[in-house]
Amino acid sequence: EFMTTAQNNTKGIIFILVGMVVFSIQDALIKFIYEDYALYELYLGRTLSAAFFLFCYMKFTKQKIVFKTHYPFLTTLRIICFFFGFSFFYISLTYMSLAMANALFFSSPFFVSILAVLFLNEKVGIRRWLAILTGFIGVFIVLNPDFSDFEYKKLAPIACALCYSISMTITKYTSDKDNSYTQMTHLYIGATIISILFFIFTGEGQFNNFSDPTYQFIFREWFTNPTYAWPIIILMGFIGALAFFCIFNAYSIASPSVVSLYEYSLIIWSIMIGYIIFDNVPTLRTFIGISIIIGAGIYIYLREKIKDQMIVTDTPNR
């Protein structure tokens, strides 16, 4: 029994490490070509191709596709939070290093803990509150705010973390009746519908009168360079599906409390890829902030394990 658990945990750790490498490659691809296509064109293409791979996998493993949800309102809210959360994240990659964006995104366990107290009636003791507070101090150090001239767009990955945490809290609440495949299917259908709405209202580039590359990324005309952009977008969909497959497997076969700690490897991959491809070297201040965020996150996980209250740890990132 013990041996099997240890073996499963090792397999789970390998899956999660591979998943995180794959995610950091996806982020690098977005950063690499964001000047050549529109954000929601990317979102649509990535969603359609990821959905295609998910449905192939479900067919292959003979999973039943269930579209019905037992929680229509919460499911809609979850789709909207998830969609705009990752919009914030992709936008942040246009002006922020991979390491910084991912480090700030990892404030999500702090938000998940707070939301679990508010909405899932979980009990969080003084030590975890102190860990949450310490984690936010780490976020503050990474942000390095200059209050006389604060750049609000630096908050985009934190907005992503908050939206993501709301989405994951809802997932935890609804997963008693809607299984994970149903929930993923809803995310893909929702993302497709919202992306098409963006195409209808902004797809001809009618609002793109900005010189800032970030705003151009959001409002640029669609399909201006499909032969170049779409193979990369489809590749991103495949990468996203592969990463999800790795993470899903990791959480299925191994103990979530073990596996989730290895999600922080994403920050290390981000630092390495950022350095190799974009020549980004985080400052000492950023390193200190990242260390505090990781330390606080790990402490929260360990306290949950002791209290046998897996709030954060049941919810795989991304």
C-alpha atoms as a PDB file:
ATOM      1  CA  GLU A   1       0.000   0.000   0.000  1.00  0.00           C
ATOM      2  CA  PHE A   2       2.707   2.459   1.058  1.00  0.00           C
ATOM      3  CA  MET A   3       4.894   1.507  -1.900  1.00  0.00           C
ATOM      4  CA  THR A   4       2.052   2.022  -4.367  1.00  0.00           C
ATOM      5  CA  THR A   5       1.289   5.459  -2.909  1.00  0.00           C
ATOM      6  CA  ALA A   6       4.959   6.456  -3.160  1.00  0.00           C
ATOM      7  CA  GLN A   7       5.144   5.214  -6.771  1.00  0.00           C
ATOM      8  CA  ASN A   8       1.931   7.033  -7.668  1.00  0.00           C
ATOM      9  CA  ASN A   9       3.233  10.216  -6.050  1.00  0.00           C
ATOM     10  CA  THR A  10       6.471   9.953  -8.060  1.00  0.00           C
ATOM     11  CA  LYS A  11       4.465   9.500 -11.282  1.00  0.00           C
ATOM     12  CA  GLY A  12       2.243  12.419 -10.310  1.00  0.00           C
ATOM     13  CA  ILE A  13       5.264  14.642  -9.658  1.00  0.00           C
ATOM     14  CA  ILE A  14       6.733  13.754 -13.081  1.00  0.00           C
ATOM     15  CA  PHE A  15       3.378  14.573 -14.730  1.00  0.00           C
ATOM     16  CA  ILE A  16       3.127  17.932 -12.942  1.00  0.00           C
ATOM     17  CA  LEU A  17       6.716  18.906 -13.777  1.00  0.00           C
ATOM     18  CA  VAL A  18       6.120  18.130 -17.461  1.00  0.00           C
ATOM     19  CA  GLY A  19       2.816  20.045 -17.348  1.00  0.00           C
ATOM     20  CA  MET A  20       4.546  23.118 -15.921  1.00  0.00           C
ATOM     21  CA  VAL A  21       7.328  22.994 -18.553  1.00  0.00           C
ATOM     22  CA  VAL A  22       4.635  22.808 -21.234  1.00  0.00           C
ATOM     23  CA  PHE A  23       2.786  25.809 -19.755  1.00  0.00           C
ATOM     24  CA  SER A  24       5.942  27.911 -19.655  1.00  0.00           C
ATOM     25  CA  ILE A  25       6.543  27.085 -23.348  1.00  0.00           C
ATOM     26  CA  GLN A  26       2.981  28.223 -24.128  1.00  0.00           C
ATOM     27  CA  ASP A  27       3.529  31.506 -22.254  1.00  0.00           C
ATOM     28  CA  ALA A  28       6.790  32.046 -24.148  1.00  0.00           C
ATOM     29  CA  LEU A  29       4.989  31.492 -27.480  1.00  0.00           C
ATOM     30  CA  ILE A  30       2.396  34.144 -26.570  1.00  0.00           C
ATOM     31  CA  LYS A  31       5.145  36.578 -25.616  1.00  0.00           C
ATOM     32  CA  PHE A  32       7.012  35.719 -28.795  1.00  0.00           C
ATOM     33  CA  ILE A  33       4.265  36.488 -31.327  1.00  0.00           C
ATOM     34  CA  TYR A  34       1.770  38.820 -29.605  1.00  0.00           C
ATOM     35  CA  GLU A  35       2.566  41.592 -32.100  1.00  0.00           C
ATOM     36  CA  ASP A  36       1.296  39.482 -34.989  1.00  0.00           C
ATOM     37  CA  TYR A  37      -2.277  38.566 -34.062  1.00  0.00           C
ATOM     38  CA  ALA A  38      -5.240  39.604 -31.929  1.00  0.00           C
ATOM     39  CA  LEU A  39      -5.680  38.368 -28.351  1.00  0.00           C
ATOM     40  CA  TYR A  40      -9.153  36.886 -28.801  1.00  0.00           C
ATOM     41  CA  GLU A  41      -8.255  35.393 -32.175  1.00  0.00           C
ATOM     42  CA  LEU A  42      -5.567  33.509 -30.231  1.00  0.00           C
ATOM     43  CA  TYR A  43      -8.088  32.675 -27.511  1.00  0.00           C
ATOM     44  CA  LEU A  44     -10.599  31.295 -30.030  1.00  0.00           C
ATOM     45  CA  GLY A  45      -8.018  29.222 -31.919  1.00  0.00           C
ATOM     46  CA  ARG A  46      -6.450  27.885 -28.758  1.00  0.00           C
ATOM     47  CA  THR A  47      -9.873  26.993 -27.311  1.00  0.00           C
ATOM     48  CA  LEU A  48     -11.106  25.214 -30.456  1.00  0.00           C
ATOM     49  CA  SER A  49      -7.955  23.158 -30.868  1.00  0.00           C
ATOM     50  CA  ALA A  50      -7.750  22.317 -27.134  1.00  0.00           C
ATOM     51  CA  ALA A  51     -11.457  21.309 -27.199  1.00  0.00           C
ATOM     52  CA  PHE A  52     -10.792  19.098 -30.233  1.00  0.00           C
ATOM     53  CA  PHE A  53      -7.947  17.308 -28.408  1.00  0.00           C
ATOM     54  CA  LEU A  54     -10.036  16.962 -25.228  1.00  0.00           C
ATOM     55  CA  PHE A  55     -12.965  15.423 -27.122  1.00  0.00           C
ATOM     56  CA  CYS A  56     -10.621  13.031 -28.959  1.00  0.00           C
ATOM     57  CA  TYR A  57      -9.194  11.983 -25.602  1.00  0.00           C
ATOM     58  CA  MET A  58     -12.712  11.533 -24.153  1.00  0.00           C
ATOM     59  CA  LYS A  59     -13.761   9.437 -27.163  1.00  0.00           C
ATOM     60  CA  PHE A  60     -10.602   7.350 -26.891  1.00  0.00           C
ATOM     61  CA  THR A  61     -11.071   6.727 -23.149  1.00  0.00           C
ATOM     62  CA  LYS A  62     -14.843   6.214 -23.657  1.00  0.00           C
ATOM     63  CA  GLN A  63     -15.860   9.100 -21.356  1.00  0.00           C
ATOM     64  CA  LYS A  64     -19.437  10.241 -21.698  1.00  0.00           C
ATOM     65  CA  ILE A  65     -19.791  13.865 -22.792  1.00  0.00           C
ATOM     66  CA  VAL A  66     -22.383  15.542 -20.582  1.00  0.00           C
ATOM     67  CA  PHE A  67     -23.354  19.116 -21.448  1.00  0.00           C
ATOM     68  CA  LYS A  68     -25.977  19.575 -18.753  1.00  0.00           C
ATOM     69  CA  THR A  69     -24.961  21.442 -15.607  1.00  0.00           C
ATOM     70  CA  HIS A  70     -26.727  21.272 -12.261  1.00  0.00           C
ATOM     71  CA  TYR A  71     -25.539  24.823 -11.480  1.00  0.00           C
ATOM     72  CA  PRO A  72     -26.324  27.072 -14.485  1.00  0.00           C
ATOM     73  CA  PHE A  73     -25.683  30.410 -12.732  1.00  0.00           C
ATOM     74  CA  LEU A  74     -22.454  29.343 -11.017  1.00  0.00           C
ATOM     75  CA  THR A  75     -21.209  27.651 -14.188  1.00  0.00           C
ATOM     76  CA  THR A  76     -21.764  30.864 -16.178  1.00  0.00           C
ATOM     77  CA  LEU A  77     -19.958  32.892 -13.515  1.00  0.00           C
ATOM     78  CA  ARG A  78     -17.073  30.398 -13.519  1.00  0.00           C
ATOM     79  CA  ILE A  79     -16.735  30.569 -17.318  1.00  0.00           C
ATOM     80  CA  ILE A  80     -16.669  34.395 -17.272  1.00  0.00           C
ATOM     81  CA  CYS A  81     -14.091  34.520 -14.434  1.00  0.00           C
ATOM     82  CA  PHE A  82     -11.868  31.940 -16.087  1.00  0.00           C
ATOM     83  CA  PHE A  83     -12.065  33.594 -19.506  1.00  0.00           C
ATOM     84  CA  PHE A  84     -11.264  37.116 -18.350  1.00  0.00           C
ATOM     85  CA  GLY A  85      -8.769  35.874 -15.789  1.00  0.00           C
ATOM     86  CA  PHE A  86      -6.580  34.380 -18.479  1.00  0.00           C
ATOM     87  CA  SER A  87      -7.194  37.392 -20.720  1.00  0.00           C
ATOM     88  CA  PHE A  88      -5.494  39.437 -17.970  1.00  0.00           C
ATOM     89  CA  PHE A  89      -2.642  36.938 -17.844  1.00  0.00           C
ATOM     90  CA  TYR A  90      -2.033  36.917 -21.616  1.00  0.00           C
ATOM     91  CA  ILE A  91      -2.188  40.712 -21.662  1.00  0.00           C
ATOM     92  CA  SER A  92       0.413  40.917 -18.875  1.00  0.00           C
ATOM     93  CA  LEU A  93       2.870  38.887 -20.973  1.00  0.00           C
ATOM     94  CA  THR A  94       3.082  41.780 -23.450  1.00  0.00           C
ATOM     95  CA  TYR A  95       4.915  44.037 -20.977  1.00  0.00           C
ATOM     96  CA  MET A  96       6.120  41.795 -18.154  1.00  0.00           C
ATOM     97  CA  SER A  97       8.713  39.043 -17.854  1.00  0.00           C
ATOM     98  CA  LEU A  98       7.445  35.443 -17.747  1.00  0.00           C
ATOM     99  CA  ALA A  99       8.892  35.030 -14.240  1.00  0.00           C
ATOM    100  CA  MET A 100       7.170  38.131 -12.846  1.00  0.00           C
ATOM    101  CA  ALA A 101       3.781  37.331 -14.426  1.00  0.00           C
ATOM    102  CA  ASN A 102       3.826  33.753 -13.118  1.00  0.00           C
ATOM    103  CA  ALA A 103       5.096  34.760  -9.662  1.00  0.00           C
ATOM    104  CA  LEU A 104       2.201  37.231  -9.292  1.00  0.00           C
ATOM    105  CA  PHE A 105      -0.237  34.620 -10.614  1.00  0.00           C
ATOM    106  CA  PHE A 106       0.834  32.371  -7.728  1.00  0.00           C
ATOM    107  CA  SER A 107      -0.924  34.716  -5.340  1.00  0.00           C
ATOM    108  CA  SER A 108      -3.962  32.548  -6.251  1.00  0.00           C
ATOM    109  CA  PRO A 109      -3.582  30.151  -3.234  1.00  0.00           C
ATOM    110  CA  PHE A 110      -3.925  33.179  -0.925  1.00  0.00           C
ATOM    111  CA  PHE A 111      -7.165  34.244  -2.649  1.00  0.00           C
ATOM    112  CA  VAL A 112      -8.454  30.640  -2.692  1.00  0.00           C
ATOM    113  CA  SER A 113      -7.946  30.391   1.100  1.00  0.00           C
ATOM    114  CA  ILE A 114      -9.821  33.663   1.693  1.00  0.00           C
ATOM    115  CA  LEU A 115     -12.684  32.661  -0.640  1.00  0.00           C
ATOM    116  CA  ALA A 116     -12.914  29.244   1.053  1.00  0.00           C
ATOM    117  CA  VAL A 117     -13.526  31.022   4.372  1.00  0.00           C
ATOM    118  CA  LEU A 118     -16.166  33.290   2.816  1.00  0.00           C
ATOM    119  CA  PHE A 119     -18.034  30.779   0.639  1.00  0.00           C
ATOM    120  CA  LEU A 120     -17.130  27.207   1.604  1.00  0.00           C
ATOM    121  CA  ASN A 121     -17.329  27.704   5.383  1.00  0.00           C
ATOM    122  CA  GLU A 122     -13.765  26.474   5.831  1.00  0.00           C
ATOM    123  CA  LYS A 123     -11.930  27.346   9.034  1.00  0.00           C
ATOM    124  CA  VAL A 124      -8.578  29.089   8.618  1.00  0.00           C
ATOM    125  CA  GLY A 125      -6.468  29.605  11.739  1.00  0.00           C
ATOM    126  CA  ILE A 126      -4.157  32.451  12.712  1.00  0.00           C
ATOM    127  CA  ARG A 127      -1.067  30.765  11.231  1.00  0.00           C
ATOM    128  CA  ARG A 128      -2.603  30.494   7.787  1.00  0.00           C
ATOM    129  CA  TRP A 129      -3.841  34.085   7.960  1.00  0.00           C
ATOM    130  CA  LEU A 130      -0.274  35.137   8.758  1.00  0.00           C
ATOM    131  CA  ALA A 131       0.969  33.038   5.800  1.00  0.00           C
ATOM    132  CA  ILE A 132      -1.591  34.727   3.515  1.00  0.00           C
ATOM    133  CA  LEU A 133      -0.493  38.157   4.763  1.00  0.00           C
ATOM    134  CA  THR A 134       3.186  37.226   4.253  1.00  0.00           C
ATOM    135  CA  GLY A 135       2.357  36.011   0.739  1.00  0.00           C
ATOM    136  CA  PHE A 136       0.809  39.374  -0.131  1.00  0.00           C
ATOM    137  CA  ILE A 137       3.924  41.105   1.224  1.00  0.00           C
ATOM    138  CA  GLY A 138       5.862  38.974  -1.291  1.00  0.00           C
ATOM    139  CA  VAL A 139       3.488  40.167  -4.033  1.00  0.00           C
ATOM    140  CA  PHE A 140       4.061  43.776  -2.906  1.00  0.00           C
ATOM    141  CA  ILE A 141       7.852  43.281  -3.110  1.00  0.00           C
ATOM    142  CA  VAL A 142       7.613  41.811  -6.636  1.00  0.00           C
ATOM    143  CA  LEU A 143       5.341  44.681  -7.762  1.00  0.00           C
ATOM    144  CA  ASN A 144       7.697  47.288  -6.263  1.00  0.00           C
ATOM    145  CA  PRO A 145       5.000  49.971  -6.464  1.00  0.00           C
ATOM    146  CA  ASP A 146       5.851  53.615  -6.865  1.00  0.00           C
ATOM    147  CA  PHE A 147       2.664  55.163  -5.481  1.00  0.00           C
ATOM    148  CA  SER A 148       3.258  58.574  -7.032  1.00  0.00           C
ATOM    149  CA  ASP A 149       3.234  56.961 -10.483  1.00  0.00           C
ATOM    150  CA  PHE A 150       1.820  53.443 -10.110  1.00  0.00           C
ATOM    151  CA  GLU A 151       1.356  51.417 -13.290  1.00  0.00           C
ATOM    152  CA  TYR A 152      -1.985  49.718 -12.763  1.00  0.00           C
ATOM    153  CA  LYS A 153      -1.377  47.287 -15.579  1.00  0.00           C
ATOM    154  CA  LYS A 154       1.156  45.560 -13.320  1.00  0.00           C
ATOM    155  CA  LEU A 155      -1.877  44.238 -11.420  1.00  0.00           C
ATOM    156  CA  ALA A 156      -3.075  42.154 -14.415  1.00  0.00           C
ATOM    157  CA  PRO A 157      -1.594  38.810 -13.214  1.00  0.00           C
ATOM    158  CA  ILE A 158      -3.083  39.441  -9.752  1.00  0.00           C
ATOM    159  CA  ALA A 159      -6.476  40.111 -11.378  1.00  0.00           C
ATOM    160  CA  CYS A 160      -5.952  36.791 -13.188  1.00  0.00           C
ATOM    161  CA  ALA A 161      -5.169  35.066  -9.869  1.00  0.00           C
ATOM    162  CA  LEU A 162      -8.337  36.488  -8.271  1.00  0.00           C
ATOM    163  CA  CYS A 163     -10.598  35.515 -11.210  1.00  0.00           C
ATOM    164  CA  TYR A 164      -8.966  32.091 -11.337  1.00  0.00           C
ATOM    165  CA  SER A 165      -9.476  31.608  -7.590  1.00  0.00           C
ATOM    166  CA  ILE A 166     -13.185  32.485  -7.876  1.00  0.00           C
ATOM    167  CA  SER A 167     -13.435  30.012 -10.765  1.00  0.00           C
ATOM    168  CA  MET A 168     -11.692  27.281  -8.740  1.00  0.00           C
ATOM    169  CA  THR A 169     -13.807  27.921  -5.624  1.00  0.00           C
ATOM    170  CA  ILE A 170     -16.940  27.500  -7.761  1.00  0.00           C
ATOM    171  CA  THR A 171     -15.439  24.317  -9.287  1.00  0.00           C
ATOM    172  CA  LYS A 172     -14.956  22.884  -5.809  1.00  0.00           C
ATOM    173  CA  TYR A 173     -18.576  23.695  -4.940  1.00  0.00           C
ATOM    174  CA  THR A 174     -20.092  22.321  -8.178  1.00  0.00           C
ATOM    175  CA  SER A 175     -17.908  19.220  -8.605  1.00  0.00           C
ATOM    176  CA  ASP A 176     -20.254  17.142  -6.436  1.00  0.00           C
ATOM    177  CA  LYS A 177     -22.665  16.978  -9.417  1.00  0.00           C
ATOM    178  CA  ASP A 178     -20.724  18.211 -12.497  1.00  0.00           C
ATOM    179  CA  ASN A 179     -17.653  16.088 -13.267  1.00  0.00           C
ATOM    180  CA  SER A 180     -14.361  17.606 -14.427  1.00  0.00           C
ATOM    181  CA  TYR A 181     -14.935  16.750 -18.109  1.00  0.00           C
ATOM    182  CA  THR A 182     -18.317  18.465 -18.038  1.00  0.00           C
ATOM    183  CA  GLN A 183     -16.718  21.502 -16.374  1.00  0.00           C
ATOM    184  CA  MET A 184     -13.923  21.623 -18.981  1.00  0.00           C
ATOM    185  CA  THR A 185     -16.488  21.306 -21.791  1.00  0.00           C
ATOM    186  CA  HIS A 186     -18.389  24.289 -20.359  1.00  0.00           C
ATOM    187  CA  LEU A 187     -15.166  26.337 -20.213  1.00  0.00           C
ATOM    188  CA  TYR A 188     -14.407  25.608 -23.869  1.00  0.00           C
ATOM    189  CA  ILE A 189     -17.964  26.333 -25.060  1.00  0.00           C
ATOM    190  CA  GLY A 190     -18.052  29.568 -23.011  1.00  0.00           C
ATOM    191  CA  ALA A 191     -14.633  30.726 -24.243  1.00  0.00           C
ATOM    192  CA  THR A 192     -15.689  30.052 -27.854  1.00  0.00           C
ATOM    193  CA  ILE A 193     -18.915  32.065 -27.496  1.00  0.00           C
ATOM    194  CA  ILE A 194     -17.222  35.041 -25.771  1.00  0.00           C
ATOM    195  CA  SER A 195     -14.364  35.050 -28.344  1.00  0.00           C
ATOM    196  CA  ILE A 196     -16.878  35.087 -31.221  1.00  0.00           C
ATOM    197  CA  LEU A 197     -18.672  38.030 -29.569  1.00  0.00           C
ATOM    198  CA  PHE A 198     -15.328  39.875 -29.453  1.00  0.00           C
ATOM    199  CA  PHE A 199     -14.865  39.091 -33.146  1.00  0.00           C
ATOM    200  CA  ILE A 200     -18.303  40.481 -34.007  1.00  0.00           C
ATOM    201  CA  PHE A 201     -17.666  43.744 -32.135  1.00  0.00           C
ATOM    202  CA  THR A 202     -13.907  44.296 -32.574  1.00  0.00           C
ATOM    203  CA  GLY A 203     -12.758  41.817 -35.238  1.00  0.00           C
ATOM    204  CA  GLU A 204     -12.285  44.359 -38.024  1.00  0.00           C
ATOM    205  CA  GLY A 205      -9.897  46.387 -35.908  1.00  0.00           C
ATOM    206  CA  GLN A 206     -12.373  49.279 -35.731  1.00  0.00           C
ATOM    207  CA  PHE A 207     -11.240  50.188 -32.194  1.00  0.00           C
ATOM    208  CA  ASN A 208      -7.534  49.755 -32.832  1.00  0.00           C
ATOM    209  CA  ASN A 209      -6.368  53.370 -32.818  1.00  0.00           C
ATOM    210  CA  PHE A 210      -3.654  52.810 -30.200  1.00  0.00           C
ATOM    211  CA  SER A 211       0.104  53.004 -30.481  1.00  0.00           C
ATOM    212  CA  ASP A 212       0.632  50.957 -27.307  1.00  0.00           C
ATOM    213  CA  PRO A 213       1.463  47.313 -28.315  1.00  0.00           C
ATOM    214  CA  THR A 214      -0.633  45.964 -25.414  1.00  0.00           C
ATOM    215  CA  TYR A 215      -3.825  47.711 -26.566  1.00  0.00           C
ATOM    216  CA  GLN A 216      -3.047  46.764 -30.150  1.00  0.00           C
ATOM    217  CA  PHE A 217      -2.884  43.137 -29.026  1.00  0.00           C
ATOM    218  CA  ILE A 218      -6.402  43.439 -27.550  1.00  0.00           C
ATOM    219  CA  PHE A 219      -8.043  45.386 -30.391  1.00  0.00           C
ATOM    220  CA  ARG A 220      -6.036  44.430 -33.502  1.00  0.00           C
ATOM    221  CA  GLU A 221      -7.881  43.269 -36.619  1.00  0.00           C
ATOM    222  CA  TRP A 222      -8.330  39.493 -36.796  1.00  0.00           C
ATOM    223  CA  PHE A 223      -6.979  37.125 -39.469  1.00  0.00           C
ATOM    224  CA  THR A 224      -4.436  39.594 -40.876  1.00  0.00           C
ATOM    225  CA  ASN A 225      -1.726  36.954 -41.020  1.00  0.00           C
ATOM    226  CA  PRO A 226      -3.425  33.552 -40.740  1.00  0.00           C
ATOM    227  CA  THR A 227      -0.788  31.427 -42.499  1.00  0.00           C
ATOM    228  CA  TYR A 228       1.822  32.572 -39.978  1.00  0.00           C
ATOM    229  CA  ALA A 229      -0.314  32.934 -36.842  1.00  0.00           C
ATOM    230  CA  TRP A 230      -2.724  29.985 -37.015  1.00  0.00           C
ATOM    231  CA  PRO A 231      -0.203  27.119 -37.056  1.00  0.00           C
ATOM    232  CA  ILE A 232       1.266  28.648 -33.869  1.00  0.00           C
ATOM    233  CA  ILE A 233      -2.225  29.155 -32.374  1.00  0.00           C
ATOM    234  CA  ILE A 234      -3.158  25.514 -33.093  1.00  0.00           C
ATOM    235  CA  LEU A 235       0.171  24.436 -31.592  1.00  0.00           C
ATOM    236  CA  MET A 236      -0.766  26.441 -28.471  1.00  0.00           C
ATOM    237  CA  GLY A 237      -4.100  24.623 -28.300  1.00  0.00           C
ATOM    238  CA  PHE A 238      -2.273  21.302 -28.472  1.00  0.00           C
ATOM    239  CA  ILE A 239       0.207  22.484 -25.819  1.00  0.00           C
ATOM    240  CA  GLY A 240      -2.661  23.661 -23.577  1.00  0.00           C
ATOM    241  CA  ALA A 241      -4.446  20.309 -23.957  1.00  0.00           C
ATOM    242  CA  LEU A 242      -1.201  18.412 -23.263  1.00  0.00           C
ATOM    243  CA  ALA A 243      -0.531  20.486 -20.129  1.00  0.00           C
ATOM    244  CA  PHE A 244      -4.098  19.918 -18.916  1.00  0.00           C
ATOM    245  CA  PHE A 245      -3.718  16.170 -19.585  1.00  0.00           C
ATOM    246  CA  CYS A 246      -0.493  16.089 -17.520  1.00  0.00           C
ATOM    247  CA  ILE A 247      -2.018  18.051 -14.634  1.00  0.00           C
ATOM    248  CA  PHE A 248      -5.272  16.102 -14.677  1.00  0.00           C
ATOM    249  CA  ASN A 249      -3.330  12.816 -14.552  1.00  0.00           C
ATOM    250  CA  ALA A 250      -1.057  14.109 -11.796  1.00  0.00           C
ATOM    251  CA  TYR A 251      -4.034  15.016  -9.593  1.00  0.00           C
ATOM    252  CA  SER A 252      -5.825  11.762 -10.432  1.00  0.00           C
ATOM    253  CA  ILE A 253      -3.059   9.318  -9.523  1.00  0.00           C
ATOM    254  CA  ALA A 254      -1.150  11.133  -6.785  1.00  0.00           C
ATOM    255  CA  SER A 255      -1.951  12.878  -3.527  1.00  0.00           C
ATOM    256  CA  PRO A 256      -3.008  16.466  -4.392  1.00  0.00           C
ATOM    257  CA  SER A 257      -1.117  17.853  -1.404  1.00  0.00           C
ATOM    258  CA  VAL A 258       2.133  16.384  -2.750  1.00  0.00           C
ATOM    259  CA  VAL A 259       1.573  17.255  -6.394  1.00  0.00           C
ATOM    260  CA  SER A 260       0.427  20.844  -5.924  1.00  0.00           C
ATOM    261  CA  LEU A 261       3.724  21.912  -4.361  1.00  0.00           C
ATOM    262  CA  TYR A 262       5.503  21.080  -7.617  1.00  0.00           C
ATOM    263  CA  GLU A 263       3.365  23.585  -9.523  1.00  0.00           C
ATOM    264  CA  TYR A 264       5.797  26.213  -8.244  1.00  0.00           C
ATOM    265  CA  SER A 265       8.362  24.737 -10.651  1.00  0.00           C
ATOM    266  CA  LEU A 266       6.518  26.851 -13.262  1.00  0.00           C
ATOM    267  CA  ILE A 267       8.273  29.928 -11.853  1.00  0.00           C
ATOM    268  CA  ILE A 268      11.691  28.274 -12.231  1.00  0.00           C
ATOM    269  CA  TRP A 269      10.957  27.251 -15.841  1.00  0.00           C
ATOM    270  CA  SER A 270       9.694  30.789 -16.517  1.00  0.00           C
ATOM    271  CA  ILE A 271      12.932  32.303 -15.202  1.00  0.00           C
ATOM    272  CA  MET A 272      14.991  29.910 -17.351  1.00  0.00           C
ATOM    273  CA  ILE A 273      12.974  30.354 -20.561  1.00  0.00           C
ATOM    274  CA  GLY A 274      12.760  34.135 -19.978  1.00  0.00           C
ATOM    275  CA  TYR A 275      16.528  34.252 -19.733  1.00  0.00           C
ATOM    276  CA  ILE A 276      17.243  31.983 -22.732  1.00  0.00           C
ATOM    277  CA  ILE A 277      14.719  33.491 -25.174  1.00  0.00           C
ATOM    278  CA  PHE A 278      14.071  37.048 -23.992  1.00  0.00           C
ATOM    279  CA  ASP A 279      17.266  37.790 -22.058  1.00  0.00           C
ATOM    280  CA  ASN A 280      15.214  38.682 -18.942  1.00  0.00           C
ATOM    281  CA  VAL A 281      17.069  38.380 -15.654  1.00  0.00           C
ATOM    282  CA  PRO A 282      14.881  38.996 -12.571  1.00  0.00           C
ATOM    283  CA  THR A 283      16.223  41.609 -10.148  1.00  0.00           C
ATOM    284  CA  LEU A 284      17.298  40.617  -6.638  1.00  0.00           C
ATOM    285  CA  ARG A 285      14.115  42.276  -5.350  1.00  0.00           C
ATOM    286  CA  THR A 286      11.993  40.081  -7.638  1.00  0.00           C
ATOM    287  CA  PHE A 287      13.839  36.957  -6.467  1.00  0.00           C
ATOM    288  CA  ILE A 288      13.178  37.884  -2.821  1.00  0.00           C
ATOM    289  CA  GLY A 289       9.465  38.536  -3.524  1.00  0.00           C
ATOM    290  CA  ILE A 290       9.137  35.263  -5.480  1.00  0.00           C
ATOM    291  CA  SER A 291      10.784  33.342  -2.606  1.00  0.00           C
ATOM    292  CA  ILE A 292       8.328  34.824  -0.096  1.00  0.00           C
ATOM    293  CA  ILE A 293       5.312  34.003  -2.343  1.00  0.00           C
ATOM    294  CA  ILE A 294       6.504  30.393  -2.799  1.00  0.00           C
ATOM    295  CA  GLY A 295       7.343  30.025   0.909  1.00  0.00           C
ATOM    296  CA  ALA A 296       3.926  31.321   2.019  1.00  0.00           C
ATOM    297  CA  GLY A 297       2.143  29.135  -0.545  1.00  0.00           C
ATOM    298  CA  ILE A 298       3.981  26.017   0.614  1.00  0.00           C
ATOM    299  CA  TYR A 299       3.260  26.855   4.254  1.00  0.00           C
ATOM    300  CA  ILE A 300      -0.487  27.170   3.498  1.00  0.00           C
ATOM    301  CA  TYR A 301      -0.424  23.763   1.787  1.00  0.00           C
ATOM    302  CA  LEU A 302       1.379  22.172   4.750  1.00  0.00           C
ATOM    303  CA  ARG A 303      -1.078  23.674   7.259  1.00  0.00           C
ATOM    304  CA  GLU A 304      -3.991  22.362   5.180  1.00  0.00           C
ATOM    305  CA  LYS A 305      -2.442  18.912   5.205  1.00  0.00           C
ATOM    306  CA  ILE A 306      -2.095  19.005   9.011  1.00  0.00           C
ATOM    307  CA  LYS A 307      -5.680  20.245   9.396  1.00  0.00           C
ATOM    308  CA  ASP A 308      -6.850  17.796   6.708  1.00  0.00           C
ATOM    309  CA  GLN A 309      -8.607  20.666   4.931  1.00  0.00           C
ATOM    310  CA  MET A 310      -7.564  20.594   1.308  1.00  0.00           C
ATOM    311  CA  ILE A 311      -8.915  23.916   0.096  1.00  0.00           C
ATOM    312  CA  VAL A 312      -6.174  25.166  -2.177  1.00  0.00           C
ATOM    313  CA  THR A 313      -4.611  21.826  -2.922  1.00  0.00           C
ATOM    314  CA  ASP A 314      -7.580  20.177  -4.616  1.00  0.00           C
ATOM    315  CA  THR A 315      -7.564  22.775  -7.333  1.00  0.00           C
ATOM    316  CA  PRO A 316      -4.898  22.365 -10.022  1.00  0.00           C
ATOM    317  CA  ASN A 317      -3.574  25.613 -11.444  1.00  0.00           C
ATOM    318  CA  ARG A 318      -4.687  26.765 -14.893  1.00  0.00           C
END
